[in-house]
Structures are given as C-alpha cells and as structure tokens.
Amino acid sequence: MQVGDLIKFIGTWGPTVKPGERQTGIVMKVWTNGRTRKIQSAEVLWDNGELEAMSTQSSLEVVSESR
C-alpha cells in the first residue's frame, strides 16, 4: 500500500457510518513502524468526502495501485 492507491474497505463499520458509504477510498498518507518498517496505518480519503486515519491494515484491500 502506498500513497495514491485506490482501496476498498472489507471490514464492518458499525452504527456510525450509513450503509453504502466509505466503500472505496484513496490513500493520502502512510505511516510505517520505525522498528519493523511495516505499514502501521494509512490516512484515507473516502468516497463520501471524509478523511480518516485507519490503523487496521487487515480491513483495507488495494484495488488499484498508483504508479
């Protein structure tokens, strides 16, 4: 996962997000763990216009990689 990638959310949101929102988004920023160099979290601009930092990488799937 890198900045500019199109991602899809594959987890569950809960009651705070309306059904059908935040299905896809664009990665705006990526944070890596300083010790392991693995991606720790990503800031995502969602299809409904909201910007959110996601700390769970297991719930995000890359649909289209940026070049």
PDB file of N, CA and C in Angstrom:
ATOM      1  N   MET A   1       0.841  -1.168   0.000  1.00  0.00           N
ATOM      2  CA  MET A   1       0.000   0.000   0.000  1.00  0.00           C
ATOM      3  C   MET A   1       0.889   1.234   0.000  1.00  0.00           C
ATOM      4  N   GLN A   2       0.533   2.186  -0.890  1.00  0.00           N
ATOM      5  CA  GLN A   2       1.293   3.426  -0.960  1.00  0.00           C
ATOM      6  C   GLN A   2       0.357   4.583  -1.288  1.00  0.00           C
ATOM      7  N   VAL A   3       0.854   5.800  -1.157  1.00  0.00           N
ATOM      8  CA  VAL A   3       0.056   6.993  -1.430  1.00  0.00           C
ATOM      9  C   VAL A   3      -0.451   6.952  -2.869  1.00  0.00           C
ATOM     10  N   GLY A   4      -1.738   7.225  -3.045  1.00  0.00           N
ATOM     11  CA  GLY A   4      -2.358   7.239  -4.360  1.00  0.00           C
ATOM     12  C   GLY A   4      -3.091   5.967  -4.730  1.00  0.00           C
ATOM     13  N   ASP A   5      -2.914   4.911  -3.956  1.00  0.00           N
ATOM     14  CA  ASP A   5      -3.610   3.648  -4.238  1.00  0.00           C
ATOM     15  C   ASP A   5      -5.110   3.787  -3.986  1.00  0.00           C
ATOM     16  N   LEU A   6      -5.901   3.138  -4.831  1.00  0.00           N
ATOM     17  CA  LEU A   6      -7.341   3.026  -4.622  1.00  0.00           C
ATOM     18  C   LEU A   6      -7.567   1.804  -3.745  1.00  0.00           C
ATOM     19  N   ILE A   7      -8.287   1.984  -2.643  1.00  0.00           N
ATOM     20  CA  ILE A   7      -8.506   0.875  -1.712  1.00  0.00           C
ATOM     21  C   ILE A   7      -9.995   0.621  -1.519  1.00  0.00           C
ATOM     22  N   LYS A   8     -10.293  -0.577  -1.027  1.00  0.00           N
ATOM     23  CA  LYS A   8     -11.658  -0.972  -0.711  1.00  0.00           C
ATOM     24  C   LYS A   8     -11.677  -1.411   0.746  1.00  0.00           C
ATOM     25  N   PHE A   9     -12.723  -1.014   1.457  1.00  0.00           N
ATOM     26  CA  PHE A   9     -12.875  -1.414   2.845  1.00  0.00           C
ATOM     27  C   PHE A   9     -13.562  -2.775   2.882  1.00  0.00           C
ATOM     28  N   ILE A  10     -12.963  -3.746   3.595  1.00  0.00           N
ATOM     29  CA  ILE A  10     -13.511  -5.104   3.627  1.00  0.00           C
ATOM     30  C   ILE A  10     -13.955  -5.531   5.022  1.00  0.00           C
ATOM     31  N   GLY A  11     -14.032  -4.573   5.948  1.00  0.00           N
ATOM     32  CA  GLY A  11     -14.461  -4.880   7.315  1.00  0.00           C
ATOM     33  C   GLY A  11     -15.891  -4.443   7.552  1.00  0.00           C
ATOM     34  N   THR A  12     -16.234  -4.198   8.821  1.00  0.00           N
ATOM     35  CA  THR A  12     -17.559  -3.678   9.181  1.00  0.00           C
ATOM     36  C   THR A  12     -17.378  -2.362   9.920  1.00  0.00           C
ATOM     37  N   TRP A  13     -18.241  -1.398   9.649  1.00  0.00           N
ATOM     38  CA  TRP A  13     -18.122  -0.071  10.239  1.00  0.00           C
ATOM     39  C   TRP A  13     -18.832   0.072  11.571  1.00  0.00           C
ATOM     40  N   GLY A  14     -19.985  -0.490  11.707  1.00  0.00           N
ATOM     41  CA  GLY A  14     -20.764  -0.264  12.914  1.00  0.00           C
ATOM     42  C   GLY A  14     -21.830   0.799  12.659  1.00  0.00           C
ATOM     43  N   PRO A  15     -22.496   1.269  13.712  1.00  0.00           N
ATOM     44  CA  PRO A  15     -23.652   2.149  13.549  1.00  0.00           C
ATOM     45  C   PRO A  15     -23.330   3.597  13.176  1.00  0.00           C
ATOM     46  N   THR A  16     -22.074   4.029  13.245  1.00  0.00           N
ATOM     47  CA  THR A  16     -21.746   5.431  12.985  1.00  0.00           C
ATOM     48  C   THR A  16     -21.663   5.775  11.501  1.00  0.00           C
ATOM     49  N   VAL A  17     -21.587   4.796  10.620  1.00  0.00           N
ATOM     50  CA  VAL A  17     -21.480   5.035   9.181  1.00  0.00           C
ATOM     51  C   VAL A  17     -22.713   4.477   8.485  1.00  0.00           C
ATOM     52  N   LYS A  18     -23.321   5.293   7.623  1.00  0.00           N
ATOM     53  CA  LYS A  18     -24.502   4.855   6.884  1.00  0.00           C
ATOM     54  C   LYS A  18     -24.141   3.713   5.937  1.00  0.00           C
ATOM     55  N   PRO A  19     -25.025   2.741   5.761  1.00  0.00           N
ATOM     56  CA  PRO A  19     -24.761   1.649   4.823  1.00  0.00           C
ATOM     57  C   PRO A  19     -24.526   2.190   3.410  1.00  0.00           C
ATOM     58  N   GLY A  20     -23.490   1.674   2.753  1.00  0.00           N
ATOM     59  CA  GLY A  20     -23.153   2.113   1.405  1.00  0.00           C
ATOM     60  C   GLY A  20     -22.092   3.193   1.346  1.00  0.00           C
ATOM     61  N   GLU A  21     -21.790   3.845   2.465  1.00  0.00           N
ATOM     62  CA  GLU A  21     -20.743   4.864   2.490  1.00  0.00           C
ATOM     63  C   GLU A  21     -19.395   4.238   2.819  1.00  0.00           C
ATOM     64  N   ARG A  22     -18.344   4.927   2.447  1.00  0.00           N
ATOM     65  CA  ARG A  22     -16.964   4.511   2.713  1.00  0.00           C
ATOM     66  C   ARG A  22     -16.660   3.120   2.170  1.00  0.00           C
ATOM     67  N   GLN A  23     -17.049   2.862   0.956  1.00  0.00           N
ATOM     68  CA  GLN A  23     -16.745   1.581   0.326  1.00  0.00           C
ATOM     69  C   GLN A  23     -15.364   1.602  -0.321  1.00  0.00           C
ATOM     70  N   THR A  24     -15.019   2.733  -0.962  1.00  0.00           N
ATOM     71  CA  THR A  24     -13.714   2.878  -1.607  1.00  0.00           C
ATOM     72  C   THR A  24     -13.083   4.201  -1.185  1.00  0.00           C
ATOM     73  N   GLY A  25     -11.768   4.273  -1.330  1.00  0.00           N
ATOM     74  CA  GLY A  25     -11.063   5.497  -0.964  1.00  0.00           C
ATOM     75  C   GLY A  25      -9.686   5.538  -1.590  1.00  0.00           C
ATOM     76  N   ILE A  26      -9.016   6.671  -1.408  1.00  0.00           N
ATOM     77  CA  ILE A  26      -7.662   6.869  -1.923  1.00  0.00           C
ATOM     78  C   ILE A  26      -6.724   7.086  -0.746  1.00  0.00           C
ATOM     79  N   VAL A  27      -5.596   6.402  -0.742  1.00  0.00           N
ATOM     80  CA  VAL A  27      -4.600   6.530   0.323  1.00  0.00           C
ATOM     81  C   VAL A  27      -3.892   7.878   0.161  1.00  0.00           C
ATOM     82  N   MET A  28      -3.961   8.704   1.205  1.00  0.00           N
ATOM     83  CA  MET A  28      -3.352  10.033   1.176  1.00  0.00           C
ATOM     84  C   MET A  28      -1.998  10.066   1.900  1.00  0.00           C
ATOM     85  N   LYS A  29      -1.838   9.226   2.911  1.00  0.00           N
ATOM     86  CA  LYS A  29      -0.603   9.196   3.701  1.00  0.00           C
ATOM     87  C   LYS A  29      -0.458   7.816   4.320  1.00  0.00           C
ATOM     88  N   VAL A  30       0.779   7.355   4.468  1.00  0.00           N
ATOM     89  CA  VAL A  30       1.045   6.041   5.052  1.00  0.00           C
ATOM     90  C   VAL A  30       2.066   6.193   6.169  1.00  0.00           C
ATOM     91  N   TRP A  31       1.813   5.547   7.300  1.00  0.00           N
ATOM     92  CA  TRP A  31       2.757   5.538   8.413  1.00  0.00           C
ATOM     93  C   TRP A  31       3.328   4.133   8.563  1.00  0.00           C
ATOM     94  N   THR A  32       4.641   4.054   8.767  1.00  0.00           N
ATOM     95  CA  THR A  32       5.287   2.763   8.965  1.00  0.00           C
ATOM     96  C   THR A  32       5.845   2.679  10.386  1.00  0.00           C
ATOM     97  N   ASN A  33       5.970   1.461  10.870  1.00  0.00           N
ATOM     98  CA  ASN A  33       6.568   1.208  12.170  1.00  0.00           C
ATOM     99  C   ASN A  33       8.071   1.426  12.031  1.00  0.00           C
ATOM    100  N   GLY A  34       8.656   2.235  12.901  1.00  0.00           N
ATOM    101  CA  GLY A  34      10.071   2.561  12.818  1.00  0.00           C
ATOM    102  C   GLY A  34      10.996   1.374  13.024  1.00  0.00           C
ATOM    103  N   ARG A  35      10.555   0.393  13.768  1.00  0.00           N
ATOM    104  CA  ARG A  35      11.403  -0.757  14.050  1.00  0.00           C
ATOM    105  C   ARG A  35      11.266  -1.843  12.993  1.00  0.00           C
ATOM    106  N   THR A  36      10.020  -2.169  12.632  1.00  0.00           N
ATOM    107  CA  THR A  36       9.792  -3.283  11.704  1.00  0.00           C
ATOM    108  C   THR A  36       9.677  -2.838  10.242  1.00  0.00           C
ATOM    109  N   ARG A  37       9.480  -1.527  10.020  1.00  0.00           N
ATOM    110  CA  ARG A  37       9.310  -0.956   8.675  1.00  0.00           C
ATOM    111  C   ARG A  37       8.045  -1.468   7.972  1.00  0.00           C
ATOM    112  N   LYS A  38       7.105  -2.039   8.717  1.00  0.00           N
ATOM    113  CA  LYS A  38       5.835  -2.480   8.153  1.00  0.00           C
ATOM    114  C   LYS A  38       4.818  -1.339   8.264  1.00  0.00           C
ATOM    115  N   ILE A  39       3.857  -1.327   7.345  1.00  0.00           N
ATOM    116  CA  ILE A  39       2.827  -0.298   7.374  1.00  0.00           C
ATOM    117  C   ILE A  39       1.986  -0.469   8.633  1.00  0.00           C
ATOM    118  N   GLN A  40       1.846   0.629   9.361  1.00  0.00           N
ATOM    119  CA  GLN A  40       1.107   0.608  10.622  1.00  0.00           C
ATOM    120  C   GLN A  40      -0.302   1.164  10.431  1.00  0.00           C
ATOM    121  N   SER A  41      -0.434   2.258   9.671  1.00  0.00           N
ATOM    122  CA  SER A  41      -1.741   2.852   9.427  1.00  0.00           C
ATOM    123  C   SER A  41      -1.692   3.688   8.160  1.00  0.00           C
ATOM    124  N   ALA A  42      -2.874   4.097   7.706  1.00  0.00           N
ATOM    125  CA  ALA A  42      -2.976   4.897   6.491  1.00  0.00           C
ATOM    126  C   ALA A  42      -4.085   5.921   6.654  1.00  0.00           C
ATOM    127  N   GLU A  43      -3.875   7.105   6.091  1.00  0.00           N
ATOM    128  CA  GLU A  43      -4.913   8.119   6.054  1.00  0.00           C
ATOM    129  C   GLU A  43      -5.636   7.972   4.721  1.00  0.00           C
ATOM    130  N   VAL A  44      -6.956   7.855   4.764  1.00  0.00           N
ATOM    131  CA  VAL A  44      -7.748   7.541   3.579  1.00  0.00           C
ATOM    132  C   VAL A  44      -8.785   8.635   3.328  1.00  0.00           C
ATOM    133  N   LEU A  45      -8.877   9.088   2.073  1.00  0.00           N
ATOM    134  CA  LEU A  45      -9.943   9.980   1.642  1.00  0.00           C
ATOM    135  C   LEU A  45     -11.030   9.094   1.059  1.00  0.00           C
ATOM    136  N   TRP A  46     -12.177   8.998   1.769  1.00  0.00           N
ATOM    137  CA  TRP A  46     -13.244   8.086   1.390  1.00  0.00           C
ATOM    138  C   TRP A  46     -14.137   8.675   0.316  1.00  0.00           C
ATOM    139  N   ASP A  47     -14.922   7.822  -0.331  1.00  0.00           N
ATOM    140  CA  ASP A  47     -15.804   8.230  -1.420  1.00  0.00           C
ATOM    141  C   ASP A  47     -16.904   9.204  -0.997  1.00  0.00           C
ATOM    142  N   ASN A  48     -17.154   9.333   0.303  1.00  0.00           N
ATOM    143  CA  ASN A  48     -18.155  10.290   0.776  1.00  0.00           C
ATOM    144  C   ASN A  48     -17.511  11.623   1.177  1.00  0.00           C
ATOM    145  N   GLY A  49     -16.205  11.774   0.926  1.00  0.00           N
ATOM    146  CA  GLY A  49     -15.502  13.024   1.197  1.00  0.00           C
ATOM    147  C   GLY A  49     -14.841  13.116   2.555  1.00  0.00           C
ATOM    148  N   GLU A  50     -14.998  12.117   3.392  1.00  0.00           N
ATOM    149  CA  GLU A  50     -14.393  12.136   4.724  1.00  0.00           C
ATOM    150  C   GLU A  50     -12.945  11.651   4.676  1.00  0.00           C
ATOM    151  N   LEU A  51     -12.106  12.266   5.503  1.00  0.00           N
ATOM    152  CA  LEU A  51     -10.700  11.901   5.616  1.00  0.00           C
ATOM    153  C   LEU A  51     -10.510  11.251   6.972  1.00  0.00           C
ATOM    154  N   GLU A  52      -9.953  10.033   6.989  1.00  0.00           N
ATOM    155  CA  GLU A  52      -9.830   9.302   8.251  1.00  0.00           C
ATOM    156  C   GLU A  52      -8.539   8.489   8.278  1.00  0.00           C
ATOM    157  N   ALA A  53      -7.897   8.450   9.453  1.00  0.00           N
ATOM    158  CA  ALA A  53      -6.722   7.610   9.652  1.00  0.00           C
ATOM    159  C   ALA A  53      -7.194   6.216  10.058  1.00  0.00           C
ATOM    160  N   MET A  54      -6.772   5.209   9.300  1.00  0.00           N
ATOM    161  CA  MET A  54      -7.158   3.821   9.571  1.00  0.00           C
ATOM    162  C   MET A  54      -5.947   3.086  10.131  1.00  0.00           C
ATOM    163  N   SER A  55      -6.091   2.520  11.311  1.00  0.00           N
ATOM    164  CA  SER A  55      -4.964   1.822  11.919  1.00  0.00           C
ATOM    165  C   SER A  55      -4.987   0.320  11.657  1.00  0.00           C
ATOM    166  N   THR A  56      -6.076  -0.188  11.123  1.00  0.00           N
ATOM    167  CA  THR A  56      -6.190  -1.621  10.888  1.00  0.00           C
ATOM    168  C   THR A  56      -5.955  -1.934   9.418  1.00  0.00           C
ATOM    169  N   GLN A  57      -4.801  -2.459   9.081  1.00  0.00           N
ATOM    170  CA  GLN A  57      -4.475  -2.786   7.698  1.00  0.00           C
ATOM    171  C   GLN A  57      -5.225  -4.005   7.193  1.00  0.00           C
ATOM    172  N   SER A  58      -5.669  -4.869   8.096  1.00  0.00           N
ATOM    173  CA  SER A  58      -6.361  -6.081   7.668  1.00  0.00           C
ATOM    174  C   SER A  58      -7.745  -5.795   7.079  1.00  0.00           C
ATOM    175  N   SER A  59      -8.278  -4.587   7.309  1.00  0.00           N
ATOM    176  CA  SER A  59      -9.605  -4.252   6.791  1.00  0.00           C
ATOM    177  C   SER A  59      -9.551  -3.449   5.501  1.00  0.00           C
ATOM    178  N   LEU A  60      -8.345  -3.232   4.956  1.00  0.00           N
ATOM    179  CA  LEU A  60      -8.186  -2.485   3.717  1.00  0.00           C
ATOM    180  C   LEU A  60      -7.573  -3.368   2.646  1.00  0.00           C
ATOM    181  N   GLU A  61      -8.122  -3.303   1.443  1.00  0.00           N
ATOM    182  CA  GLU A  61      -7.616  -4.088   0.321  1.00  0.00           C
ATOM    183  C   GLU A  61      -7.298  -3.154  -0.837  1.00  0.00           C
ATOM    184  N   VAL A  62      -6.104  -3.257  -1.412  1.00  0.00           N
ATOM    185  CA  VAL A  62      -5.718  -2.426  -2.551  1.00  0.00           C
ATOM    186  C   VAL A  62      -6.434  -2.924  -3.789  1.00  0.00           C
ATOM    187  N   VAL A  63      -7.174  -2.023  -4.460  1.00  0.00           N
ATOM    188  CA  VAL A  63      -7.903  -2.353  -5.672  1.00  0.00           C
ATOM    189  C   VAL A  63      -7.061  -2.009  -6.897  1.00  0.00           C
ATOM    190  N   SER A  64      -6.437  -0.829  -6.858  1.00  0.00           N
ATOM    191  CA  SER A  64      -5.627  -0.361  -7.982  1.00  0.00           C
ATOM    192  C   SER A  64      -4.423   0.398  -7.438  1.00  0.00           C
ATOM    193  N   GLU A  65      -3.225  -0.041  -7.792  1.00  0.00           N
ATOM    194  CA  GLU A  65      -2.007   0.597  -7.310  1.00  0.00           C
ATOM    195  C   GLU A  65      -1.657   1.812  -8.146  1.00  0.00           C
ATOM    196  N   SER A  66      -1.159   2.868  -7.481  1.00  0.00           N
ATOM    197  CA  SER A  66      -0.681   4.031  -8.209  1.00  0.00           C
ATOM    198  C   SER A  66       0.688   3.721  -8.791  1.00  0.00           C
ATOM    199  N   ARG A  67       1.052   4.437  -9.797  1.00  0.00           N
ATOM    200  CA  ARG A  67       2.358   4.173 -10.446  1.00  0.00           C
ATOM    201  C   ARG A  67       3.453   4.998  -9.890  1.00  0.00           C
TER     202      ARG A  67
END
